[in-house]
Amino acid sequence: MLNYILILLGIITSALAQVMLKKSSEFSFFKEYNFFIFFILGGLFYIISFGLYAYILKIFDISKISPVMTIGVMVIVVASGILFFKETLSLIQSVGIILGVISIILILK
């Protein structure tokens, strides 16, 4: 159970890093205080994510865990883009995400 919590934390921290960097891009580059906050948070989440990923690779086969984490991050980042940044998805992109979730289920069985 702890191993799956680590995977979830790795996915969440990697997705948060990307969302924080996207958020930092809404502010003037190196001119606004909020830019630095989100930029630094993005970097910190990437460092945490990297450490978790390195540890997770010791526990699981890379052929199974890498696709699971990549697709998991993709799903969270896409959902964040829709919810927080008002981005849109096409039908084809939606089908791709659904297929990605199905692939995670199949890989973990």
PDB file of N, CA and C in Angstrom:
ATOM      1  N   MET A   1       0.816  -1.201   0.000  1.00  0.00           N
ATOM      2  CA  MET A   1       0.000   0.000   0.000  1.00  0.00           C
ATOM      3  C   MET A   1       0.863   1.270   0.000  1.00  0.00           C
ATOM      4  N   LEU A   2       1.932   1.245   0.811  1.00  0.00           N
ATOM      5  CA  LEU A   2       2.831   2.395   0.876  1.00  0.00           C
ATOM      6  C   LEU A   2       3.465   2.669  -0.486  1.00  0.00           C
ATOM      7  N   ASN A   3       3.763   1.612  -1.228  1.00  0.00           N
ATOM      8  CA  ASN A   3       4.369   1.787  -2.552  1.00  0.00           C
ATOM      9  C   ASN A   3       3.436   2.556  -3.486  1.00  0.00           C
ATOM     10  N   TYR A   4       2.147   2.255  -3.414  1.00  0.00           N
ATOM     11  CA  TYR A   4       1.190   2.944  -4.281  1.00  0.00           C
ATOM     12  C   TYR A   4       0.982   4.396  -3.849  1.00  0.00           C
ATOM     13  N   ILE A   5       1.109   4.659  -2.557  1.00  0.00           N
ATOM     14  CA  ILE A   5       1.050   6.043  -2.069  1.00  0.00           C
ATOM     15  C   ILE A   5       2.247   6.821  -2.598  1.00  0.00           C
ATOM     16  N   LEU A   6       3.422   6.179  -2.631  1.00  0.00           N
ATOM     17  CA  LEU A   6       4.619   6.831  -3.184  1.00  0.00           C
ATOM     18  C   LEU A   6       4.435   7.148  -4.664  1.00  0.00           C
ATOM     19  N   ILE A   7       3.830   6.225  -5.405  1.00  0.00           N
ATOM     20  CA  ILE A   7       3.567   6.471  -6.824  1.00  0.00           C
ATOM     21  C   ILE A   7       2.650   7.671  -6.974  1.00  0.00           C
ATOM     22  N   LEU A   8       1.579   7.702  -6.185  1.00  0.00           N
ATOM     23  CA  LEU A   8       0.633   8.810  -6.252  1.00  0.00           C
ATOM     24  C   LEU A   8       1.309  10.135  -5.899  1.00  0.00           C
ATOM     25  N   LEU A   9       2.148  10.125  -4.871  1.00  0.00           N
ATOM     26  CA  LEU A   9       2.887  11.340  -4.506  1.00  0.00           C
ATOM     27  C   LEU A   9       3.838  11.776  -5.620  1.00  0.00           C
ATOM     28  N   GLY A  10       4.483  10.817  -6.253  1.00  0.00           N
ATOM     29  CA  GLY A  10       5.374  11.138  -7.370  1.00  0.00           C
ATOM     30  C   GLY A  10       4.619  11.774  -8.525  1.00  0.00           C
ATOM     31  N   ILE A  11       3.462  11.229  -8.819  1.00  0.00           N
ATOM     32  CA  ILE A  11       2.631  11.774  -9.900  1.00  0.00           C
ATOM     33  C   ILE A  11       2.153  13.175  -9.549  1.00  0.00           C
ATOM     34  N   ILE A  12       1.668  13.345  -8.330  1.00  0.00           N
ATOM     35  CA  ILE A  12       1.126  14.648  -7.915  1.00  0.00           C
ATOM     36  C   ILE A  12       2.213  15.716  -7.887  1.00  0.00           C
ATOM     37  N   THR A  13       3.394  15.385  -7.349  1.00  0.00           N
ATOM     38  CA  THR A  13       4.449  16.400  -7.282  1.00  0.00           C
ATOM     39  C   THR A  13       4.952  16.792  -8.670  1.00  0.00           C
ATOM     40  N   SER A  14       5.028  15.839  -9.566  1.00  0.00           N
ATOM     41  CA  SER A  14       5.451  16.162 -10.931  1.00  0.00           C
ATOM     42  C   SER A  14       4.412  17.042 -11.631  1.00  0.00           C
ATOM     43  N   ALA A  15       3.146  16.714 -11.444  1.00  0.00           N
ATOM     44  CA  ALA A  15       2.080  17.521 -12.046  1.00  0.00           C
ATOM     45  C   ALA A  15       2.048  18.919 -11.428  1.00  0.00           C
ATOM     46  N   LEU A  16       2.207  19.002 -10.110  1.00  0.00           N
ATOM     47  CA  LEU A  16       2.228  20.313  -9.451  1.00  0.00           C
ATOM     48  C   LEU A  16       3.381  21.176  -9.955  1.00  0.00           C
ATOM     49  N   ALA A  17       4.522  20.559 -10.206  1.00  0.00           N
ATOM     50  CA  ALA A  17       5.668  21.309 -10.733  1.00  0.00           C
ATOM     51  C   ALA A  17       5.304  21.959 -12.061  1.00  0.00           C
ATOM     52  N   GLN A  18       4.661  21.209 -12.936  1.00  0.00           N
ATOM     53  CA  GLN A  18       4.286  21.750 -14.241  1.00  0.00           C
ATOM     54  C   GLN A  18       3.226  22.845 -14.119  1.00  0.00           C
ATOM     55  N   VAL A  19       2.267  22.639 -13.226  1.00  0.00           N
ATOM     56  CA  VAL A  19       1.214  23.629 -13.030  1.00  0.00           C
ATOM     57  C   VAL A  19       1.803  24.917 -12.446  1.00  0.00           C
ATOM     58  N   MET A  20       2.726  24.791 -11.498  1.00  0.00           N
ATOM     59  CA  MET A  20       3.345  25.987 -10.901  1.00  0.00           C
ATOM     60  C   MET A  20       4.152  26.772 -11.940  1.00  0.00           C
ATOM     61  N   LEU A  21       4.866  26.066 -12.798  1.00  0.00           N
ATOM     62  CA  LEU A  21       5.624  26.767 -13.839  1.00  0.00           C
ATOM     63  C   LEU A  21       4.693  27.445 -14.842  1.00  0.00           C
ATOM     64  N   LYS A  22       3.579  26.797 -15.171  1.00  0.00           N
ATOM     65  CA  LYS A  22       2.590  27.418 -16.058  1.00  0.00           C
ATOM     66  C   LYS A  22       2.029  28.674 -15.398  1.00  0.00           C
ATOM     67  N   LYS A  23       1.722  28.576 -14.096  1.00  0.00           N
ATOM     68  CA  LYS A  23       1.182  29.720 -13.366  1.00  0.00           C
ATOM     69  C   LYS A  23       2.204  30.858 -13.322  1.00  0.00           C
ATOM     70  N   SER A  24       3.475  30.534 -13.166  1.00  0.00           N
ATOM     71  CA  SER A  24       4.501  31.577 -13.121  1.00  0.00           C
ATOM     72  C   SER A  24       4.583  32.335 -14.440  1.00  0.00           C
ATOM     73  N   SER A  25       4.210  31.676 -15.527  1.00  0.00           N
ATOM     74  CA  SER A  25       4.287  32.334 -16.836  1.00  0.00           C
ATOM     75  C   SER A  25       3.219  33.410 -17.014  1.00  0.00           C
ATOM     76  N   GLU A  26       2.263  33.480 -16.100  1.00  0.00           N
ATOM     77  CA  GLU A  26       1.229  34.514 -16.176  1.00  0.00           C
ATOM     78  C   GLU A  26       1.730  35.862 -15.677  1.00  0.00           C
ATOM     79  N   PHE A  27       2.899  35.887 -15.056  1.00  0.00           N
ATOM     80  CA  PHE A  27       3.442  37.103 -14.480  1.00  0.00           C
ATOM     81  C   PHE A  27       4.666  37.550 -15.280  1.00  0.00           C
ATOM     82  N   SER A  28       5.002  38.831 -15.146  1.00  0.00           N
ATOM     83  CA  SER A  28       6.161  39.369 -15.860  1.00  0.00           C
ATOM     84  C   SER A  28       7.428  38.653 -15.430  1.00  0.00           C
ATOM     85  N   PHE A  29       8.190  38.235 -16.413  1.00  0.00           N
ATOM     86  CA  PHE A  29       9.417  37.480 -16.189  1.00  0.00           C
ATOM     87  C   PHE A  29      10.398  38.294 -15.360  1.00  0.00           C
ATOM     88  N   PHE A  30      10.735  37.813 -14.174  1.00  0.00           N
ATOM     89  CA  PHE A  30      11.683  38.420 -13.243  1.00  0.00           C
ATOM     90  C   PHE A  30      11.294  39.810 -12.753  1.00  0.00           C
ATOM     91  N   LYS A  31      10.035  40.237 -12.979  1.00  0.00           N
ATOM     92  CA  LYS A  31       9.653  41.578 -12.547  1.00  0.00           C
ATOM     93  C   LYS A  31       8.614  41.559 -11.425  1.00  0.00           C
ATOM     94  N   GLU A  32       7.860  40.494 -11.321  1.00  0.00           N
ATOM     95  CA  GLU A  32       6.812  40.433 -10.312  1.00  0.00           C
ATOM     96  C   GLU A  32       7.140  39.401  -9.249  1.00  0.00           C
ATOM     97  N   TYR A  33       6.735  39.712  -8.033  1.00  0.00           N
ATOM     98  CA  TYR A  33       6.971  38.835  -6.885  1.00  0.00           C
ATOM     99  C   TYR A  33       6.310  37.472  -7.091  1.00  0.00           C
ATOM    100  N   ASN A  34       5.100  37.445  -7.625  1.00  0.00           N
ATOM    101  CA  ASN A  34       4.378  36.184  -7.823  1.00  0.00           C
ATOM    102  C   ASN A  34       5.098  35.257  -8.805  1.00  0.00           C
ATOM    103  N   PHE A  35       5.792  35.826  -9.766  1.00  0.00           N
ATOM    104  CA  PHE A  35       6.575  34.997 -10.688  1.00  0.00           C
ATOM    105  C   PHE A  35       7.564  34.140  -9.912  1.00  0.00           C
ATOM    106  N   PHE A  36       8.299  34.779  -8.990  1.00  0.00           N
ATOM    107  CA  PHE A  36       9.318  34.066  -8.224  1.00  0.00           C
ATOM    108  C   PHE A  36       8.704  32.984  -7.336  1.00  0.00           C
ATOM    109  N   ILE A  37       7.568  33.286  -6.719  1.00  0.00           N
ATOM    110  CA  ILE A  37       6.918  32.319  -5.836  1.00  0.00           C
ATOM    111  C   ILE A  37       6.562  31.051  -6.616  1.00  0.00           C
ATOM    112  N   PHE A  38       5.845  31.213  -7.727  1.00  0.00           N
ATOM    113  CA  PHE A  38       5.416  30.044  -8.494  1.00  0.00           C
ATOM    114  C   PHE A  38       6.589  29.343  -9.180  1.00  0.00           C
ATOM    115  N   PHE A  39       7.570  30.110  -9.618  1.00  0.00           N
ATOM    116  CA  PHE A  39       8.751  29.528 -10.260  1.00  0.00           C
ATOM    117  C   PHE A  39       9.539  28.672  -9.268  1.00  0.00           C
ATOM    118  N   ILE A  40       9.753  29.189  -8.069  1.00  0.00           N
ATOM    119  CA  ILE A  40      10.487  28.446  -7.041  1.00  0.00           C
ATOM    120  C   ILE A  40       9.691  27.225  -6.590  1.00  0.00           C
ATOM    121  N   LEU A  41       8.371  27.390  -6.413  1.00  0.00           N
ATOM    122  CA  LEU A  41       7.541  26.237  -6.054  1.00  0.00           C
ATOM    123  C   LEU A  41       7.620  25.141  -7.124  1.00  0.00           C
ATOM    124  N   GLY A  42       7.595  25.543  -8.381  1.00  0.00           N
ATOM    125  CA  GLY A  42       7.727  24.579  -9.470  1.00  0.00           C
ATOM    126  C   GLY A  42       9.036  23.820  -9.387  1.00  0.00           C
ATOM    127  N   GLY A  43      10.118  24.536  -9.131  1.00  0.00           N
ATOM    128  CA  GLY A  43      11.424  23.894  -8.998  1.00  0.00           C
ATOM    129  C   GLY A  43      11.485  22.945  -7.813  1.00  0.00           C
ATOM    130  N   LEU A  44      10.917  23.361  -6.682  1.00  0.00           N
ATOM    131  CA  LEU A  44      10.909  22.500  -5.499  1.00  0.00           C
ATOM    132  C   LEU A  44      10.108  21.226  -5.742  1.00  0.00           C
ATOM    133  N   PHE A  45       8.955  21.367  -6.388  1.00  0.00           N
ATOM    134  CA  PHE A  45       8.159  20.180  -6.689  1.00  0.00           C
ATOM    135  C   PHE A  45       8.886  19.253  -7.657  1.00  0.00           C
ATOM    136  N   TYR A  46       9.640  19.810  -8.607  1.00  0.00           N
ATOM    137  CA  TYR A  46      10.431  18.966  -9.508  1.00  0.00           C
ATOM    138  C   TYR A  46      11.519  18.204  -8.751  1.00  0.00           C
ATOM    139  N   ILE A  47      12.158  18.853  -7.796  1.00  0.00           N
ATOM    140  CA  ILE A  47      13.194  18.187  -7.000  1.00  0.00           C
ATOM    141  C   ILE A  47      12.586  17.045  -6.190  1.00  0.00           C
ATOM    142  N   ILE A  48      11.453  17.309  -5.544  1.00  0.00           N
ATOM    143  CA  ILE A  48      10.774  16.263  -4.768  1.00  0.00           C
ATOM    144  C   ILE A  48      10.351  15.124  -5.682  1.00  0.00           C
ATOM    145  N   SER A  49       9.781  15.482  -6.830  1.00  0.00           N
ATOM    146  CA  SER A  49       9.328  14.484  -7.798  1.00  0.00           C
ATOM    147  C   SER A  49      10.485  13.617  -8.277  1.00  0.00           C
ATOM    148  N   PHE A  50      11.620  14.231  -8.551  1.00  0.00           N
ATOM    149  CA  PHE A  50      12.793  13.495  -9.009  1.00  0.00           C
ATOM    150  C   PHE A  50      13.255  12.495  -7.956  1.00  0.00           C
ATOM    151  N   GLY A  51      13.305  12.922  -6.707  1.00  0.00           N
ATOM    152  CA  GLY A  51      13.712  12.031  -5.632  1.00  0.00           C
ATOM    153  C   GLY A  51      12.748  10.868  -5.462  1.00  0.00           C
ATOM    154  N   LEU A  52      11.453  11.167  -5.506  1.00  0.00           N
ATOM    155  CA  LEU A  52      10.457  10.099  -5.397  1.00  0.00           C
ATOM    156  C   LEU A  52      10.569   9.124  -6.566  1.00  0.00           C
ATOM    157  N   TYR A  53      10.744   9.653  -7.755  1.00  0.00           N
ATOM    158  CA  TYR A  53      10.844   8.801  -8.945  1.00  0.00           C
ATOM    159  C   TYR A  53      12.063   7.881  -8.855  1.00  0.00           C
ATOM    160  N   ALA A  54      13.179   8.426  -8.400  1.00  0.00           N
ATOM    161  CA  ALA A  54      14.388   7.613  -8.250  1.00  0.00           C
ATOM    162  C   ALA A  54      14.158   6.484  -7.248  1.00  0.00           C
ATOM    163  N   TYR A  55      13.458   6.793  -6.160  1.00  0.00           N
ATOM    164  CA  TYR A  55      13.178   5.761  -5.166  1.00  0.00           C
ATOM    165  C   TYR A  55      12.173   4.735  -5.703  1.00  0.00           C
ATOM    166  N   ILE A  56      11.158   5.202  -6.399  1.00  0.00           N
ATOM    167  CA  ILE A  56      10.130   4.313  -6.951  1.00  0.00           C
ATOM    168  C   ILE A  56      10.746   3.342  -7.960  1.00  0.00           C
ATOM    169  N   LEU A  57      11.741   3.795  -8.717  1.00  0.00           N
ATOM    170  CA  LEU A  57      12.406   2.922  -9.686  1.00  0.00           C
ATOM    171  C   LEU A  57      13.140   1.762  -9.008  1.00  0.00           C
ATOM    172  N   LYS A  58      13.510   1.934  -7.734  1.00  0.00           N
ATOM    173  CA  LYS A  58      14.142   0.845  -6.992  1.00  0.00           C
ATOM    174  C   LYS A  58      13.128  -0.235  -6.632  1.00  0.00           C
ATOM    175  N   ILE A  59      11.861   0.129  -6.545  1.00  0.00           N
ATOM    176  CA  ILE A  59      10.818  -0.786  -6.080  1.00  0.00           C
ATOM    177  C   ILE A  59      10.136  -1.515  -7.235  1.00  0.00           C
ATOM    178  N   PHE A  60       9.866  -0.789  -8.338  1.00  0.00           N
ATOM    179  CA  PHE A  60       9.083  -1.328  -9.444  1.00  0.00           C
ATOM    180  C   PHE A  60       9.927  -1.492 -10.700  1.00  0.00           C
ATOM    181  N   ASP A  61       9.451  -2.320 -11.616  1.00  0.00           N
ATOM    182  CA  ASP A  61      10.076  -2.459 -12.929  1.00  0.00           C
ATOM    183  C   ASP A  61       9.868  -1.171 -13.722  1.00  0.00           C
ATOM    184  N   ILE A  62      10.915  -0.702 -14.363  1.00  0.00           N
ATOM    185  CA  ILE A  62      10.818   0.544 -15.132  1.00  0.00           C
ATOM    186  C   ILE A  62       9.821   0.408 -16.278  1.00  0.00           C
ATOM    187  N   SER A  63       9.690  -0.796 -16.833  1.00  0.00           N
ATOM    188  CA  SER A  63       8.772  -0.994 -17.955  1.00  0.00           C
ATOM    189  C   SER A  63       7.315  -0.845 -17.544  1.00  0.00           C
ATOM    190  N   LYS A  64       7.035  -0.974 -16.255  1.00  0.00           N
ATOM    191  CA  LYS A  64       5.664  -0.804 -15.772  1.00  0.00           C
ATOM    192  C   LYS A  64       5.440   0.573 -15.161  1.00  0.00           C
ATOM    193  N   ILE A  65       6.380   1.025 -14.357  1.00  0.00           N
ATOM    194  CA  ILE A  65       6.141   2.245 -13.594  1.00  0.00           C
ATOM    195  C   ILE A  65       6.287   3.511 -14.428  1.00  0.00           C
ATOM    196  N   SER A  66       7.186   3.511 -15.392  1.00  0.00           N
ATOM    197  CA  SER A  66       7.383   4.718 -16.198  1.00  0.00           C
ATOM    198  C   SER A  66       6.125   5.104 -16.980  1.00  0.00           C
ATOM    199  N   PRO A  67       5.475   4.178 -17.687  1.00  0.00           N
ATOM    200  CA  PRO A  67       4.236   4.569 -18.373  1.00  0.00           C
ATOM    201  C   PRO A  67       3.130   4.977 -17.409  1.00  0.00           C
ATOM    202  N   VAL A  68       3.042   4.302 -16.277  1.00  0.00           N
ATOM    203  CA  VAL A  68       2.000   4.633 -15.299  1.00  0.00           C
ATOM    204  C   VAL A  68       2.188   6.055 -14.788  1.00  0.00           C
ATOM    205  N   MET A  69       3.407   6.390 -14.427  1.00  0.00           N
ATOM    206  CA  MET A  69       3.658   7.739 -13.897  1.00  0.00           C
ATOM    207  C   MET A  69       3.509   8.802 -14.983  1.00  0.00           C
ATOM    208  N   THR A  70       3.976   8.516 -16.173  1.00  0.00           N
ATOM    209  CA  THR A  70       3.869   9.487 -17.265  1.00  0.00           C
ATOM    210  C   THR A  70       2.406   9.785 -17.590  1.00  0.00           C
ATOM    211  N   ILE A  71       1.614   8.746 -17.710  1.00  0.00           N
ATOM    212  CA  ILE A  71       0.200   8.942 -18.041  1.00  0.00           C
ATOM    213  C   ILE A  71      -0.540   9.565 -16.867  1.00  0.00           C
ATOM    214  N   GLY A  72      -0.186   9.165 -15.640  1.00  0.00           N
ATOM    215  CA  GLY A  72      -0.802   9.772 -14.463  1.00  0.00           C
ATOM    216  C   GLY A  72      -0.555  11.271 -14.398  1.00  0.00           C
ATOM    217  N   VAL A  73       0.678  11.677 -14.648  1.00  0.00           N
ATOM    218  CA  VAL A  73       1.010  13.104 -14.678  1.00  0.00           C
ATOM    219  C   VAL A  73       0.228  13.797 -15.788  1.00  0.00           C
ATOM    220  N   MET A  74       0.159  13.165 -16.954  1.00  0.00           N
ATOM    221  CA  MET A  74      -0.563  13.755 -18.079  1.00  0.00           C
ATOM    222  C   MET A  74      -2.023  14.009 -17.716  1.00  0.00           C
ATOM    223  N   VAL A  75      -2.665  13.042 -17.086  1.00  0.00           N
ATOM    224  CA  VAL A  75      -4.079  13.184 -16.733  1.00  0.00           C
ATOM    225  C   VAL A  75      -4.283  14.343 -15.762  1.00  0.00           C
ATOM    226  N   ILE A  76      -3.437  14.443 -14.749  1.00  0.00           N
ATOM    227  CA  ILE A  76      -3.576  15.527 -13.769  1.00  0.00           C
ATOM    228  C   ILE A  76      -3.274  16.884 -14.394  1.00  0.00           C
ATOM    229  N   VAL A  77      -2.261  16.949 -15.229  1.00  0.00           N
ATOM    230  CA  VAL A  77      -1.910  18.217 -15.883  1.00  0.00           C
ATOM    231  C   VAL A  77      -3.031  18.665 -16.824  1.00  0.00           C
ATOM    232  N   VAL A  78      -3.598  17.746 -17.575  1.00  0.00           N
ATOM    233  CA  VAL A  78      -4.704  18.089 -18.476  1.00  0.00           C
ATOM    234  C   VAL A  78      -5.903  18.577 -17.670  1.00  0.00           C
ATOM    235  N   ALA A  79      -6.234  17.869 -16.591  1.00  0.00           N
ATOM    236  CA  ALA A  79      -7.353  18.291 -15.741  1.00  0.00           C
ATOM    237  C   ALA A  79      -7.093  19.665 -15.134  1.00  0.00           C
ATOM    238  N   SER A  80      -5.856  19.922 -14.721  1.00  0.00           N
ATOM    239  CA  SER A  80      -5.499  21.233 -14.170  1.00  0.00           C
ATOM    240  C   SER A  80      -5.603  22.320 -15.230  1.00  0.00           C
ATOM    241  N   GLY A  81      -5.176  22.010 -16.440  1.00  0.00           N
ATOM    242  CA  GLY A  81      -5.290  22.981 -17.531  1.00  0.00           C
ATOM    243  C   GLY A  81      -6.725  23.361 -17.798  1.00  0.00           C
ATOM    244  N   ILE A  82      -7.603  22.387 -17.743  1.00  0.00           N
ATOM    245  CA  ILE A  82      -9.028  22.656 -17.977  1.00  0.00           C
ATOM    246  C   ILE A  82      -9.623  23.448 -16.817  1.00  0.00           C
ATOM    247  N   LEU A  83      -9.327  23.030 -15.577  1.00  0.00           N
ATOM    248  CA  LEU A  83      -9.933  23.650 -14.405  1.00  0.00           C
ATOM    249  C   LEU A  83      -9.374  25.030 -14.073  1.00  0.00           C
ATOM    250  N   PHE A  84      -8.050  25.170 -14.121  1.00  0.00           N
ATOM    251  CA  PHE A  84      -7.427  26.398 -13.646  1.00  0.00           C
ATOM    252  C   PHE A  84      -7.049  27.389 -14.742  1.00  0.00           C
ATOM    253  N   PHE A  85      -6.787  26.890 -15.933  1.00  0.00           N
ATOM    254  CA  PHE A  85      -6.322  27.764 -17.001  1.00  0.00           C
ATOM    255  C   PHE A  85      -7.318  27.881 -18.149  1.00  0.00           C
ATOM    256  N   LYS A  86      -8.491  27.284 -17.974  1.00  0.00           N
ATOM    257  CA  LYS A  86      -9.594  27.369 -18.946  1.00  0.00           C
ATOM    258  C   LYS A  86      -9.190  26.884 -20.335  1.00  0.00           C
ATOM    259  N   GLU A  87      -8.351  25.860 -20.382  1.00  0.00           N
ATOM    260  CA  GLU A  87      -7.962  25.274 -21.659  1.00  0.00           C
ATOM    261  C   GLU A  87      -9.056  24.312 -22.122  1.00  0.00           C
ATOM    262  N   THR A  88      -9.064  23.992 -23.393  1.00  0.00           N
ATOM    263  CA  THR A  88     -10.095  23.101 -23.930  1.00  0.00           C
ATOM    264  C   THR A  88      -9.439  21.864 -24.541  1.00  0.00           C
ATOM    265  N   LEU A  89     -10.250  20.814 -24.679  1.00  0.00           N
ATOM    266  CA  LEU A  89      -9.793  19.571 -25.289  1.00  0.00           C
ATOM    267  C   LEU A  89     -10.665  19.242 -26.483  1.00  0.00           C
ATOM    268  N   SER A  90     -10.054  18.671 -27.486  1.00  0.00           N
ATOM    269  CA  SER A  90     -10.824  18.164 -28.618  1.00  0.00           C
ATOM    270  C   SER A  90     -11.328  16.772 -28.284  1.00  0.00           C
ATOM    271  N   LEU A  91     -12.183  16.251 -29.111  1.00  0.00           N
ATOM    272  CA  LEU A  91     -12.701  14.901 -28.920  1.00  0.00           C
ATOM    273  C   LEU A  91     -11.577  13.875 -28.990  1.00  0.00           C
ATOM    274  N   ILE A  92     -10.685  14.044 -29.937  1.00  0.00           N
ATOM    275  CA  ILE A  92      -9.551  13.115 -30.097  1.00  0.00           C
ATOM    276  C   ILE A  92      -8.667  13.138 -28.853  1.00  0.00           C
ATOM    277  N   GLN A  93      -8.401  14.317 -28.311  1.00  0.00           N
ATOM    278  CA  GLN A  93      -7.587  14.414 -27.104  1.00  0.00           C
ATOM    279  C   GLN A  93      -8.275  13.746 -25.916  1.00  0.00           C
ATOM    280  N   SER A  94      -9.574  13.905 -25.816  1.00  0.00           N
ATOM    281  CA  SER A  94     -10.337  13.263 -24.741  1.00  0.00           C
ATOM    282  C   SER A  94     -10.265  11.746 -24.855  1.00  0.00           C
ATOM    283  N   VAL A  95     -10.389  11.232 -26.068  1.00  0.00           N
ATOM    284  CA  VAL A  95     -10.277   9.784 -26.290  1.00  0.00           C
ATOM    285  C   VAL A  95      -8.880   9.305 -25.904  1.00  0.00           C
ATOM    286  N   GLY A  96      -7.862  10.071 -26.241  1.00  0.00           N
ATOM    287  CA  GLY A  96      -6.494   9.714 -25.883  1.00  0.00           C
ATOM    288  C   GLY A  96      -6.303   9.625 -24.376  1.00  0.00           C
ATOM    289  N   ILE A  97      -6.884  10.535 -23.641  1.00  0.00           N
ATOM    290  CA  ILE A  97      -6.780  10.511 -22.176  1.00  0.00           C
ATOM    291  C   ILE A  97      -7.504   9.292 -21.615  1.00  0.00           C
ATOM    292  N   ILE A  98      -8.669   8.994 -22.134  1.00  0.00           N
ATOM    293  CA  ILE A  98      -9.413   7.813 -21.683  1.00  0.00           C
ATOM    294  C   ILE A  98      -8.601   6.546 -21.953  1.00  0.00           C
ATOM    295  N   LEU A  99      -8.001   6.458 -23.132  1.00  0.00           N
ATOM    296  CA  LEU A  99      -7.164   5.301 -23.456  1.00  0.00           C
ATOM    297  C   LEU A  99      -5.948   5.226 -22.530  1.00  0.00           C
ATOM    298  N   GLY A 100      -5.396   6.383 -22.166  1.00  0.00           N
ATOM    299  CA  GLY A 100      -4.279   6.409 -21.228  1.00  0.00           C
ATOM    300  C   GLY A 100      -4.659   5.854 -19.869  1.00  0.00           C
ATOM    301  N   VAL A 101      -5.838   6.236 -19.380  1.00  0.00           N
ATOM    302  CA  VAL A 101      -6.310   5.721 -18.088  1.00  0.00           C
ATOM    303  C   VAL A 101      -6.535   4.214 -18.171  1.00  0.00           C
ATOM    304  N   ILE A 102      -7.109   3.759 -19.275  1.00  0.00           N
ATOM    305  CA  ILE A 102      -7.304   2.319 -19.462  1.00  0.00           C
ATOM    306  C   ILE A 102      -5.958   1.598 -19.472  1.00  0.00           C
ATOM    307  N   SER A 103      -4.953   2.210 -20.098  1.00  0.00           N
ATOM    308  CA  SER A 103      -3.632   1.562 -20.143  1.00  0.00           C
ATOM    309  C   SER A 103      -3.011   1.463 -18.756  1.00  0.00           C
ATOM    310  N   ILE A 104      -3.221   2.458 -17.903  1.00  0.00           N
ATOM    311  CA  ILE A 104      -2.723   2.375 -16.530  1.00  0.00           C
ATOM    312  C   ILE A 104      -3.359   1.187 -15.813  1.00  0.00           C
ATOM    313  N   ILE A 105      -4.661   1.059 -15.975  1.00  0.00           N
ATOM    314  CA  ILE A 105      -5.380  -0.060 -15.332  1.00  0.00           C
ATOM    315  C   ILE A 105      -4.837  -1.397 -15.815  1.00  0.00           C
ATOM    316  N   LEU A 106      -4.618  -1.510 -17.127  1.00  0.00           N
ATOM    317  CA  LEU A 106      -4.112  -2.770 -17.677  1.00  0.00           C
ATOM    318  C   LEU A 106      -2.684  -3.063 -17.241  1.00  0.00           C
ATOM    319  N   ILE A 107      -1.848  -2.050 -17.166  1.00  0.00           N
ATOM    320  CA  ILE A 107      -0.452  -2.246 -16.767  1.00  0.00           C
ATOM    321  C   ILE A 107      -0.357  -2.684 -15.306  1.00  0.00           C
ATOM    322  N   LEU A 108      -1.193  -2.112 -14.447  1.00  0.00           N
ATOM    323  CA  LEU A 108      -1.107  -2.425 -13.012  1.00  0.00           C
ATOM    324  C   LEU A 108      -1.767  -3.737 -12.634  1.00  0.00           C
ATOM    325  N   LYS A 109      -2.489  -4.366 -13.562  1.00  0.00           N
ATOM    326  CA  LYS A 109      -3.127  -5.669 -13.243  1.00  0.00           C
ATOM    327  C   LYS A 109      -2.145  -6.799 -13.368  1.00  0.00           C
TER     328      LYS A 109
END
